[in-house]
PDB file of N, CA and C in Angstrom:
ATOM      1  N   UNK A   1     183.968-176.432  74.957  1.00  0.00           N
ATOM      2  CA  UNK A   1     183.123-175.359  74.470  1.00  0.00           C
ATOM      3  C   UNK A   1     181.675-175.828  74.370  1.00  0.00           C
ATOM      4  N   UNK A   2     181.469-176.996  73.890  1.00  0.00           N
ATOM      5  CA  UNK A   2     180.129-177.526  73.752  1.00  0.00           C
ATOM      6  C   UNK A   2     179.490-177.785  75.115  1.00  0.00           C
ATOM      7  N   UNK A   3     180.298-178.192  76.084  1.00  0.00           N
ATOM      8  CA  UNK A   3     179.788-178.495  77.415  1.00  0.00           C
ATOM      9  C   UNK A   3     179.259-177.242  78.109  1.00  0.00           C
ATOM     10  N   UNK A   4     179.960-176.120  77.993  1.00  0.00           N
ATOM     11  CA  UNK A   4     179.511-174.892  78.651  1.00  0.00           C
ATOM     12  C   UNK A   4     178.243-174.360  77.996  1.00  0.00           C
ATOM     13  N   UNK A   5     178.111-174.549  76.696  1.00  0.00           N
ATOM     14  CA  UNK A   5     176.890-174.130  75.992  1.00  0.00           C
ATOM     15  C   UNK A   5     175.696-174.948  76.477  1.00  0.00           C
ATOM     16  N   UNK A   6     175.915-176.234  76.658  1.00  0.00           N
ATOM     17  CA  UNK A   6     174.861-177.120  77.147  1.00  0.00           C
ATOM     18  C   UNK A   6     174.483-176.780  78.589  1.00  0.00           C
ATOM     19  N   UNK A   7     175.475-176.466  79.415  1.00  0.00           N
ATOM     20  CA  UNK A   7     175.202-176.094  80.803  1.00  0.00           C
ATOM     21  C   UNK A   7     174.403-174.798  80.873  1.00  0.00           C
ATOM     22  N   UNK A   8     174.700-173.853  79.995  1.00  0.00           N
ATOM     23  CA  UNK A   8     173.957-172.594  79.956  1.00  0.00           C
ATOM     24  C   UNK A   8     172.504-172.813  79.590  1.00  0.00           C
ATOM     25  N   UNK A   9     172.256-173.703  78.639  1.00  0.00           N
ATOM     26  CA  UNK A   9     170.882-174.028  78.250  1.00  0.00           C
ATOM     27  C   UNK A   9     170.135-174.694  79.407  1.00  0.00           C
ATOM     28  N   UNK A  10     170.820-175.615  80.083  1.00  0.00           N
ATOM     29  CA  UNK A  10     170.197-176.292  81.223  1.00  0.00           C
ATOM     30  C   UNK A  10     169.843-175.296  82.317  1.00  0.00           C
ATOM     31  N   UNK A  11     170.737-174.344  82.576  1.00  0.00           N
ATOM     32  CA  UNK A  11     170.499-173.335  83.607  1.00  0.00           C
ATOM     33  C   UNK A  11     169.332-172.428  83.210  1.00  0.00           C
ATOM     34  N   UNK A  12     169.258-172.051  81.936  1.00  0.00           N
ATOM     35  CA  UNK A  12     168.142-171.224  81.465  1.00  0.00           C
ATOM     36  C   UNK A  12     166.821-171.975  81.562  1.00  0.00           C
ATOM     37  N   UNK A  13     166.838-173.256  81.204  1.00  0.00           N
ATOM     38  CA  UNK A  13     165.624-174.082  81.288  1.00  0.00           C
ATOM     39  C   UNK A  13     165.174-174.221  82.737  1.00  0.00           C
ATOM     40  N   UNK A  14     166.118-174.418  83.642  1.00  0.00           N
ATOM     41  CA  UNK A  14     165.807-174.545  85.064  1.00  0.00           C
ATOM     42  C   UNK A  14     165.179-173.252  85.594  1.00  0.00           C
ATOM     43  N   UNK A  15     165.751-172.120  85.211  1.00  0.00           N
ATOM     44  CA  UNK A  15     165.224-170.817  85.634  1.00  0.00           C
ATOM     45  C   UNK A  15     163.818-170.604  85.084  1.00  0.00           C
ATOM     46  N   UNK A  16     163.603-170.923  83.833  1.00  0.00           N
ATOM     47  CA  UNK A  16     162.287-170.762  83.210  1.00  0.00           C
ATOM     48  C   UNK A  16     161.247-171.642  83.899  1.00  0.00           C
ATOM     49  N   UNK A  17     161.620-172.862  84.238  1.00  0.00           N
ATOM     50  CA  UNK A  17     160.710-173.777  84.917  1.00  0.00           C
ATOM     51  C   UNK A  17     160.301-173.214  86.283  1.00  0.00           C
ATOM     52  N   UNK A  18     161.249-172.663  87.027  1.00  0.00           N
ATOM     53  CA  UNK A  18     160.962-172.080  88.337  1.00  0.00           C
ATOM     54  C   UNK A  18     160.024-170.890  88.192  1.00  0.00           C
ATOM     55  N   UNK A  19     160.278-170.035  87.215  1.00  0.00           N
ATOM     56  CA  UNK A  19     159.436-168.851  86.996  1.00  0.00           C
ATOM     57  C   UNK A  19     158.011-169.270  86.619  1.00  0.00           C
ATOM     58  N   UNK A  20     157.876-170.230  85.735  1.00  0.00           N
ATOM     59  CA  UNK A  20     156.543-170.682  85.321  1.00  0.00           C
ATOM     60  C   UNK A  20     155.775-171.309  86.478  1.00  0.00           C
ATOM     61  N   UNK A  21     156.457-172.080  87.297  1.00  0.00           N
ATOM     62  CA  UNK A  21     155.776-172.672  88.459  1.00  0.00           C
ATOM     63  C   UNK A  21     155.335-171.594  89.434  1.00  0.00           C
ATOM     64  N   UNK A  22     156.186-170.609  89.669  1.00  0.00           N
ATOM     65  CA  UNK A  22     155.851-169.542  90.617  1.00  0.00           C
ATOM     66  C   UNK A  22     154.695-168.683  90.104  1.00  0.00           C
ATOM     67  N   UNK A  23     154.632-168.452  88.809  1.00  0.00           N
ATOM     68  CA  UNK A  23     153.539-167.628  88.273  1.00  0.00           C
ATOM     69  C   UNK A  23     152.215-168.385  88.212  1.00  0.00           C
ATOM     70  N   UNK A  24     152.237-169.674  88.437  1.00  0.00           N
ATOM     71  CA  UNK A  24     150.983-170.428  88.448  1.00  0.00           C
ATOM     72  C   UNK A  24     150.235-170.291  89.775  1.00  0.00           C
ATOM     73  N   UNK A  25     150.887-169.782  90.803  1.00  0.00           N
ATOM     74  CA  UNK A  25     150.279-169.694  92.137  1.00  0.00           C
ATOM     75  C   UNK A  25     148.975-168.891  92.145  1.00  0.00           C
ATOM     76  N   UNK A  26     148.915-167.694  91.558  1.00  0.00           N
ATOM     77  CA  UNK A  26     147.635-166.959  91.592  1.00  0.00           C
ATOM     78  C   UNK A  26     146.491-167.709  90.913  1.00  0.00           C
ATOM     79  N   UNK A  27     146.799-168.427  89.848  1.00  0.00           N
ATOM     80  CA  UNK A  27     145.759-169.180  89.142  1.00  0.00           C
ATOM     81  C   UNK A  27     145.249-170.338  89.997  1.00  0.00           C
ATOM     82  N   UNK A  28     146.150-170.971  90.723  1.00  0.00           N
ATOM     83  CA  UNK A  28     145.751-172.060  91.610  1.00  0.00           C
ATOM     84  C   UNK A  28     144.877-171.523  92.738  1.00  0.00           C
ATOM     85  N   UNK A  29     145.306-170.403  93.334  1.00  0.00           N
ATOM     86  CA  UNK A  29     144.553-169.827  94.449  1.00  0.00           C
ATOM     87  C   UNK A  29     143.179-169.332  94.017  1.00  0.00           C
ATOM     88  N   UNK A  30     143.048-168.913  92.793  1.00  0.00           N
ATOM     89  CA  UNK A  30     141.758-168.451  92.291  1.00  0.00           C
ATOM     90  C   UNK A  30     140.909-169.616  91.777  1.00  0.00           C
ATOM     91  N   UNK A  31     141.553-170.589  91.170  1.00  0.00           N
ATOM     92  CA  UNK A  31     140.827-171.687  90.543  1.00  0.00           C
ATOM     93  C   UNK A  31     140.126-172.612  91.513  1.00  0.00           C
ATOM     94  N   UNK A  32     140.756-172.928  92.638  1.00  0.00           N
ATOM     95  CA  UNK A  32     140.155-173.842  93.609  1.00  0.00           C
ATOM     96  C   UNK A  32     138.810-173.356  94.129  1.00  0.00           C
ATOM     97  N   UNK A  33     138.756-172.135  94.668  1.00  0.00           N
ATOM     98  CA  UNK A  33     137.462-171.639  95.140  1.00  0.00           C
ATOM     99  C   UNK A  33     136.429-171.447  94.019  1.00  0.00           C
ATOM    100  N   UNK A  34     136.903-171.099  92.821  1.00  0.00           N
ATOM    101  CA  UNK A  34     135.952-170.943  91.707  1.00  0.00           C
ATOM    102  C   UNK A  34     135.300-172.271  91.347  1.00  0.00           C
ATOM    103  N   UNK A  35     136.079-173.319  91.273  1.00  0.00           N
ATOM    104  CA  UNK A  35     135.528-174.640  90.986  1.00  0.00           C
ATOM    105  C   UNK A  35     134.564-175.044  92.099  1.00  0.00           C
ATOM    106  N   UNK A  36     134.957-174.776  93.344  1.00  0.00           N
ATOM    107  CA  UNK A  36     134.082-175.063  94.469  1.00  0.00           C
ATOM    108  C   UNK A  36     132.778-174.285  94.400  1.00  0.00           C
ATOM    109  N   UNK A  37     132.865-173.037  93.947  1.00  0.00           N
ATOM    110  CA  UNK A  37     131.667-172.205  93.803  1.00  0.00           C
ATOM    111  C   UNK A  37     130.690-172.821  92.796  1.00  0.00           C
ATOM    112  N   UNK A  38     131.195-173.225  91.650  1.00  0.00           N
ATOM    113  CA  UNK A  38     130.326-173.788  90.615  1.00  0.00           C
ATOM    114  C   UNK A  38     129.728-175.136  91.032  1.00  0.00           C
ATOM    115  N   UNK A  39     130.540-175.975  91.644  1.00  0.00           N
ATOM    116  CA  UNK A  39     130.023-177.266  92.111  1.00  0.00           C
ATOM    117  C   UNK A  39     128.983-177.056  93.205  1.00  0.00           C
ATOM    118  N   UNK A  40     129.299-176.191  94.173  1.00  0.00           N
ATOM    119  CA  UNK A  40     128.367-175.917  95.262  1.00  0.00           C
ATOM    120  C   UNK A  40     127.070-175.305  94.780  1.00  0.00           C
ATOM    121  N   UNK A  41     127.154-174.371  93.831  1.00  0.00           N
ATOM    122  CA  UNK A  41     125.943-173.753  93.275  1.00  0.00           C
ATOM    123  C   UNK A  41     125.069-174.788  92.580  1.00  0.00           C
ATOM    124  N   UNK A  42     125.713-175.655  91.807  1.00  0.00           N
ATOM    125  CA  UNK A  42     124.973-176.697  91.104  1.00  0.00           C
ATOM    126  C   UNK A  42     124.252-177.606  92.093  1.00  0.00           C
ATOM    127  N   UNK A  43     124.965-178.046  93.120  1.00  0.00           N
ATOM    128  CA  UNK A  43     124.360-178.952  94.099  1.00  0.00           C
ATOM    129  C   UNK A  43     123.255-178.265  94.904  1.00  0.00           C
ATOM    130  N   UNK A  44     123.445-176.997  95.242  1.00  0.00           N
ATOM    131  CA  UNK A  44     122.398-176.267  95.963  1.00  0.00           C
ATOM    132  C   UNK A  44     121.134-176.120  95.117  1.00  0.00           C
ATOM    133  N   UNK A  45     121.290-175.867  93.826  1.00  0.00           N
ATOM    134  CA  UNK A  45     120.114-175.779  92.948  1.00  0.00           C
ATOM    135  C   UNK A  45     119.437-177.137  92.808  1.00  0.00           C
ATOM    136  N   UNK A  46     120.255-178.168  92.692  1.00  0.00           N
ATOM    137  CA  UNK A  46     119.702-179.506  92.501  1.00  0.00           C
ATOM    138  C   UNK A  46     118.924-179.982  93.733  1.00  0.00           C
ATOM    139  N   UNK A  47     119.451-179.710  94.925  1.00  0.00           N
ATOM    140  CA  UNK A  47     118.822-180.202  96.154  1.00  0.00           C
ATOM    141  C   UNK A  47     118.028-179.133  96.902  1.00  0.00           C
ATOM    142  N   UNK A  48     118.067-177.887  96.435  1.00  0.00           N
ATOM    143  CA  UNK A  48     117.344-176.812  97.097  1.00  0.00           C
ATOM    144  C   UNK A  48     117.793-176.600  98.539  1.00  0.00           C
ATOM    145  N   UNK A  49     119.079-176.599  98.758  1.00  0.00           N
ATOM    146  CA  UNK A  49     119.616-176.560 100.121  1.00  0.00           C
ATOM    147  C   UNK A  49     120.153-175.191 100.526  1.00  0.00           C
ATOM    148  N   UNK A  50     119.667-174.136  99.928  1.00  0.00           N
ATOM    149  CA  UNK A  50     120.158-172.802 100.288  1.00  0.00           C
ATOM    150  C   UNK A  50     121.562-172.598  99.767  1.00  0.00           C
ATOM    151  N   UNK A  51     122.482-172.292 100.673  1.00  0.00           N
ATOM    152  CA  UNK A  51     123.873-172.084 100.274  1.00  0.00           C
ATOM    153  C   UNK A  51     124.831-172.996 101.035  1.00  0.00           C
ATOM    154  N   UNK A  52     124.327-174.106 101.500  1.00  0.00           N
ATOM    155  CA  UNK A  52     125.139-175.030 102.301  1.00  0.00           C
ATOM    156  C   UNK A  52     126.282-175.599 101.461  1.00  0.00           C
ATOM    157  N   UNK A  53     125.964-176.177 100.318  1.00  0.00           N
ATOM    158  CA  UNK A  53     126.993-176.784  99.477  1.00  0.00           C
ATOM    159  C   UNK A  53     127.921-175.731  98.886  1.00  0.00           C
ATOM    160  N   UNK A  54     127.390-174.569  98.587  1.00  0.00           N
ATOM    161  CA  UNK A  54     128.211-173.486  98.060  1.00  0.00           C
ATOM    162  C   UNK A  54     129.325-173.142  99.043  1.00  0.00           C
ATOM    163  N   UNK A  55     128.958-172.890 100.283  1.00  0.00           N
ATOM    164  CA  UNK A  55     129.964-172.548 101.287  1.00  0.00           C
ATOM    165  C   UNK A  55     130.934-173.700 101.528  1.00  0.00           C
ATOM    166  N   UNK A  56     130.410-174.904 101.610  1.00  0.00           N
ATOM    167  CA  UNK A  56     131.253-176.064 101.854  1.00  0.00           C
ATOM    168  C   UNK A  56     132.299-176.236 100.752  1.00  0.00           C
ATOM    169  N   UNK A  57     131.862-176.175  99.502  1.00  0.00           N
ATOM    170  CA  UNK A  57     132.783-176.427  98.396  1.00  0.00           C
ATOM    171  C   UNK A  57     133.735-175.260  98.142  1.00  0.00           C
ATOM    172  N   UNK A  58     133.319-174.041  98.435  1.00  0.00           N
ATOM    173  CA  UNK A  58     134.249-172.911  98.316  1.00  0.00           C
ATOM    174  C   UNK A  58     135.360-173.049  99.357  1.00  0.00           C
ATOM    175  N   UNK A  59     134.993-173.413 100.572  1.00  0.00           N
ATOM    176  CA  UNK A  59     136.011-173.611 101.617  1.00  0.00           C
ATOM    177  C   UNK A  59     136.930-174.783 101.262  1.00  0.00           C
ATOM    178  N   UNK A  60     136.358-175.882 100.794  1.00  0.00           N
ATOM    179  CA  UNK A  60     137.193-177.026 100.386  1.00  0.00           C
ATOM    180  C   UNK A  60     138.112-176.657  99.216  1.00  0.00           C
ATOM    181  N   UNK A  61     137.593-175.882  98.277  1.00  0.00           N
ATOM    182  CA  UNK A  61     138.411-175.430  97.152  1.00  0.00           C
ATOM    183  C   UNK A  61     139.547-174.541  97.603  1.00  0.00           C
ATOM    184  N   UNK A  62     139.276-173.669  98.571  1.00  0.00           N
ATOM    185  CA  UNK A  62     140.322-172.798  99.091  1.00  0.00           C
ATOM    186  C   UNK A  62     141.383-173.605  99.830  1.00  0.00           C
ATOM    187  N   UNK A  63     140.960-174.557 100.639  1.00  0.00           N
ATOM    188  CA  UNK A  63     141.919-175.398 101.367  1.00  0.00           C
ATOM    189  C   UNK A  63     142.791-176.187 100.387  1.00  0.00           C
ATOM    190  N   UNK A  64     142.176-176.751  99.364  1.00  0.00           N
ATOM    191  CA  UNK A  64     142.939-177.496  98.354  1.00  0.00           C
ATOM    192  C   UNK A  64     143.914-176.574  97.621  1.00  0.00           C
ATOM    193  N   UNK A  65     143.489-175.345  97.328  1.00  0.00           N
ATOM    194  CA  UNK A  65     144.354-174.392  96.632  1.00  0.00           C
ATOM    195  C   UNK A  65     145.547-173.992  97.495  1.00  0.00           C
ATOM    196  N   UNK A  66     145.317-173.786  98.780  1.00  0.00           N
ATOM    197  CA  UNK A  66     146.425-173.438  99.678  1.00  0.00           C
ATOM    198  C   UNK A  66     147.400-174.609  99.783  1.00  0.00           C
ATOM    199  N   UNK A  67     146.868-175.809  99.874  1.00  0.00           N
ATOM    200  CA  UNK A  67     147.723-177.001  99.949  1.00  0.00           C
ATOM    201  C   UNK A  67     148.584-177.128  98.689  1.00  0.00           C
ATOM    202  N   UNK A  68     147.980-176.943  97.536  1.00  0.00           N
ATOM    203  CA  UNK A  68     148.728-177.013  96.271  1.00  0.00           C
ATOM    204  C   UNK A  68     149.747-175.887  96.174  1.00  0.00           C
ATOM    205  N   UNK A  69     149.405-174.713  96.663  1.00  0.00           N
ATOM    206  CA  UNK A  69     150.335-173.585  96.653  1.00  0.00           C
ATOM    207  C   UNK A  69     151.561-173.890  97.503  1.00  0.00           C
ATOM    208  N   UNK A  70     151.358-174.526  98.635  1.00  0.00           N
ATOM    209  CA  UNK A  70     152.490-174.914  99.485  1.00  0.00           C
ATOM    210  C   UNK A  70     153.397-175.893  98.742  1.00  0.00           C
ATOM    211  N   UNK A  71     152.810-176.858  98.034  1.00  0.00           N
ATOM    212  CA  UNK A  71     153.616-177.795  97.249  1.00  0.00           C
ATOM    213  C   UNK A  71     154.384-177.078  96.141  1.00  0.00           C
ATOM    214  N   UNK A  72     153.749-176.109  95.490  1.00  0.00           N
ATOM    215  CA  UNK A  72     154.431-175.351  94.430  1.00  0.00           C
ATOM    216  C   UNK A  72     155.603-174.573  95.010  1.00  0.00           C
ATOM    217  N   UNK A  73     155.393-173.923  96.150  1.00  0.00           N
ATOM    218  CA  UNK A  73     156.460-173.146  96.769  1.00  0.00           C
ATOM    219  C   UNK A  73     157.627-174.053  97.148  1.00  0.00           C
ATOM    220  N   UNK A  74     157.351-175.238  97.659  1.00  0.00           N
ATOM    221  CA  UNK A  74     158.427-176.174  98.001  1.00  0.00           C
ATOM    222  C   UNK A  74     159.190-176.604  96.756  1.00  0.00           C
ATOM    223  N   UNK A  75     158.463-176.852  95.646  1.00  0.00           N
ATOM    224  CA  UNK A  75     159.149-177.236  94.399  1.00  0.00           C
ATOM    225  C   UNK A  75     160.012-176.093  93.878  1.00  0.00           C
ATOM    226  N   UNK A  76     159.495-174.865  93.979  1.00  0.00           N
ATOM    227  CA  UNK A  76     160.247-173.703  93.508  1.00  0.00           C
ATOM    228  C   UNK A  76     161.506-173.515  94.347  1.00  0.00           C
ATOM    229  N   UNK A  77     161.380-173.657  95.659  1.00  0.00           N
ATOM    230  CA  UNK A  77     162.557-173.517  96.532  1.00  0.00           C
ATOM    231  C   UNK A  77     163.592-174.600  96.251  1.00  0.00           C
ATOM    232  N   UNK A  78     163.124-175.804  95.960  1.00  0.00           N
ATOM    233  CA  UNK A  78     164.051-176.888  95.663  1.00  0.00           C
ATOM    234  C   UNK A  78     164.742-176.662  94.320  1.00  0.00           C
ATOM    235  N   UNK A  79     164.020-176.076  93.368  1.00  0.00           N
ATOM    236  CA  UNK A  79     164.579-175.840  92.041  1.00  0.00           C
ATOM    237  C   UNK A  79     165.505-174.659  91.966  1.00  0.00           C
ATOM    238  N   UNK A  80     165.418-173.741  92.939  1.00  0.00           N
ATOM    239  CA  UNK A  80     166.235-172.515  92.892  1.00  0.00           C
ATOM    240  C   UNK A  80     167.622-172.737  93.421  1.00  0.00           C
TER     241      UNK A  80
END
């Protein structure tokens, strides 16, 4: 009786972990380019370079966010 109760808790914890990881995807996809935007804006103001660093860091932030999203999806698939 105690073993089945423990297994149920483990299964619920596993499900909750998968759901939380999956719901983090939009935040990751939004956060990477936002961080890149702020860093790029700061560097463009500091060096007076137009929007070169802004574009560069937004693209790098997006690429990093997509890469992290792929890792999250793989973890979610493995956990399900």
